[in-house]
């Protein structure tokens, strides 16, 4: 499995094995006793991909298959907002400094708010918790 994870994510096999050993990446031994490899389940592989790439990149790469793979509330839509210039300058500066796109940084900040209101929002937005906890599920 480390070779497949390497092919899909670009993470070297030694790093994948280290991630498994430290529990950073959950894996189960192969089902066949003679097979010494490990299996990584879809939710763990999807979570690893989301750590590497923004959801919009994954969605773009999936193309038409995104509709079958991603829950509707996880799919992205374009949006715009008005922000004070100092916040825009901050986002641009931080992007230059650490390479994290402003949209990803804003999505991460909004995810914290989502956690705070998850229980009440689920009633008004069916599937909210599923989307919030993707790919691990509830």
Protein backbone atom coordinates (compact mmCIF):
# COMPACT_ATOMS: atom_id res chain seq x y z
CA UNK A 1 0.00 0.00 0.00
CA UNK A 2 2.79 2.53 0.60
CA UNK A 3 3.57 2.41 -3.14
CA UNK A 4 -0.04 3.16 -4.05
CA UNK A 5 -0.20 5.99 -1.51
CA UNK A 6 3.07 7.32 -2.96
CA UNK A 7 1.66 7.17 -6.48
CA UNK A 8 -1.54 8.96 -5.44
CA UNK A 9 -0.08 11.54 -3.07
CA UNK A 10 3.63 11.84 -3.80
CA UNK A 11 4.52 10.91 -0.20
CA UNK A 12 7.56 8.61 -0.18
CA UNK A 13 7.05 4.98 0.98
CA UNK A 14 9.35 5.42 4.00
CA UNK A 15 7.26 8.40 5.15
CA UNK A 16 4.01 6.44 4.64
CA UNK A 17 5.40 3.57 6.74
CA UNK A 18 6.49 6.04 9.42
CA UNK A 19 3.02 7.61 9.42
CA UNK A 20 1.49 4.14 9.89
CA UNK A 21 3.91 3.27 12.69
CA UNK A 22 3.22 6.50 14.60
CA UNK A 23 -0.55 6.20 14.13
CA UNK A 24 -0.69 9.35 12.01
CA UNK A 25 -2.17 7.21 9.23
CA UNK A 26 -4.50 4.35 10.09
CA UNK A 27 -3.83 1.10 8.23
CA UNK A 28 -4.78 -2.55 8.64
CA UNK A 29 -2.70 -5.60 7.69
CA UNK A 30 -3.57 -7.33 4.43
CA UNK A 31 -6.15 -10.10 4.75
CA UNK A 32 -3.89 -12.83 3.35
CA UNK A 33 -1.38 -14.25 5.89
CA UNK A 34 1.44 -14.35 3.30
CA UNK A 35 0.83 -10.76 2.24
CA UNK A 36 2.98 -8.43 4.35
CA UNK A 37 1.42 -5.25 3.00
CA UNK A 38 -0.98 -2.84 4.66
CA UNK A 39 -4.35 -1.55 3.54
CA UNK A 40 -5.43 2.02 4.01
CA UNK A 41 -9.17 2.55 3.94
CA UNK A 42 -10.82 5.17 1.75
CA UNK A 43 -11.60 7.65 4.56
CA UNK A 44 -7.95 7.72 5.67
CA UNK A 45 -6.68 8.13 2.12
CA UNK A 46 -9.24 10.86 1.43
CA UNK A 47 -8.28 12.66 4.67
CA UNK A 48 -4.62 12.46 3.66
CA UNK A 49 -5.46 13.92 0.24
CA UNK A 50 -7.38 16.77 1.90
CA UNK A 51 -4.30 17.54 4.01
CA UNK A 52 -2.23 17.82 0.84
CA UNK A 53 -4.60 19.56 -1.59
CA UNK A 54 -7.49 22.00 -1.19
CA UNK A 55 -10.94 20.54 -1.86
CA UNK A 56 -11.30 22.62 -5.02
CA UNK A 57 -8.19 20.98 -6.51
CA UNK A 58 -9.48 17.50 -5.65
CA UNK A 59 -12.89 18.36 -7.08
CA UNK A 60 -11.31 19.68 -10.28
CA UNK A 61 -9.16 16.56 -10.68
CA UNK A 62 -12.16 14.29 -10.14
CA UNK A 63 -14.03 16.15 -12.87
CA UNK A 64 -17.48 14.69 -13.52
CA UNK A 65 -16.82 11.94 -10.95
CA UNK A 66 -16.83 14.53 -8.16
CA UNK A 67 -20.62 14.36 -8.05
CA UNK A 68 -20.46 10.64 -7.24
CA UNK A 69 -17.53 10.83 -4.79
CA UNK A 70 -18.14 14.01 -2.82
CA UNK A 71 -21.26 14.69 -0.75
CA UNK A 72 -23.25 17.62 -2.21
CA UNK A 73 -22.42 19.94 0.69
CA UNK A 74 -18.68 19.24 0.32
CA UNK A 75 -18.65 20.32 -3.33
CA UNK A 76 -17.42 23.85 -3.85
CA UNK A 77 -19.13 26.86 -5.35
CA UNK A 78 -17.64 30.23 -6.21
CA UNK A 79 -18.39 33.05 -3.82
CA UNK A 80 -17.35 36.56 -3.07
CA UNK A 81 -17.22 38.71 0.02
CA UNK A 82 -16.17 42.16 1.00
CA UNK A 83 -13.35 42.39 3.51
CA UNK A 84 -11.41 45.25 5.04
CA UNK A 85 -8.19 45.88 3.14
CA UNK A 86 -5.99 45.02 6.11
CA UNK A 87 -7.48 41.50 6.13
CA UNK A 88 -6.89 41.08 2.41
CA UNK A 89 -3.30 42.34 2.84
CA UNK A 90 -2.85 39.91 5.73
CA UNK A 91 -4.12 36.97 3.66
CA UNK A 92 -1.87 37.90 0.74
CA UNK A 93 1.17 38.33 2.99
CA UNK A 94 0.56 35.02 4.76
CA UNK A 95 0.13 33.27 1.42
CA UNK A 96 3.55 34.57 0.32
CA UNK A 97 5.03 33.58 3.67
CA UNK A 98 3.67 30.05 4.04
CA UNK A 99 2.02 29.15 0.73
CA UNK A 100 -1.50 28.67 2.11
CA UNK A 101 -4.08 30.12 -0.26
CA UNK A 102 -6.46 32.70 1.22
CA UNK A 103 -9.49 30.56 0.33
CA UNK A 104 -8.05 27.62 2.28
CA UNK A 105 -7.23 29.80 5.28
CA UNK A 106 -10.75 31.28 5.28
CA UNK A 107 -12.31 27.82 4.90
CA UNK A 108 -10.28 26.57 7.88
CA UNK A 109 -11.41 29.53 9.99
CA UNK A 110 -15.04 29.00 8.99
CA UNK A 111 -14.73 25.29 9.84
CA UNK A 112 -14.07 26.31 13.45
CA UNK A 113 -17.31 28.28 13.46
CA UNK A 114 -19.09 25.30 11.87
CA UNK A 115 -17.97 23.07 14.74
CA UNK A 116 -19.38 25.51 17.26
CA UNK A 117 -22.82 25.60 15.60
CA UNK A 118 -22.96 22.06 14.16
CA UNK A 119 -25.80 20.75 16.31
CA UNK A 120 -28.20 23.59 15.55
CA UNK A 121 -27.19 23.88 11.89
CA UNK A 122 -27.87 20.20 11.18
CA UNK A 123 -31.57 20.84 11.80
CA UNK A 124 -31.63 23.69 9.29
CA UNK A 125 -29.11 22.28 6.79
CA UNK A 126 -29.62 18.50 6.40
CA UNK A 127 -26.30 16.76 5.80
CA UNK A 128 -24.31 19.54 7.47
CA UNK A 129 -22.52 17.25 9.93
CA UNK A 130 -21.76 14.67 7.25
CA UNK A 131 -20.15 17.38 5.12
CA UNK A 132 -18.32 18.90 8.08
CA UNK A 133 -16.86 15.49 9.04
CA UNK A 134 -16.01 14.38 5.50
CA UNK A 135 -14.34 11.99 4.75
CA UNK A 136 -14.41 10.23 8.12
CA UNK A 137 -18.18 10.51 8.52
CA UNK A 138 -20.03 11.30 11.73
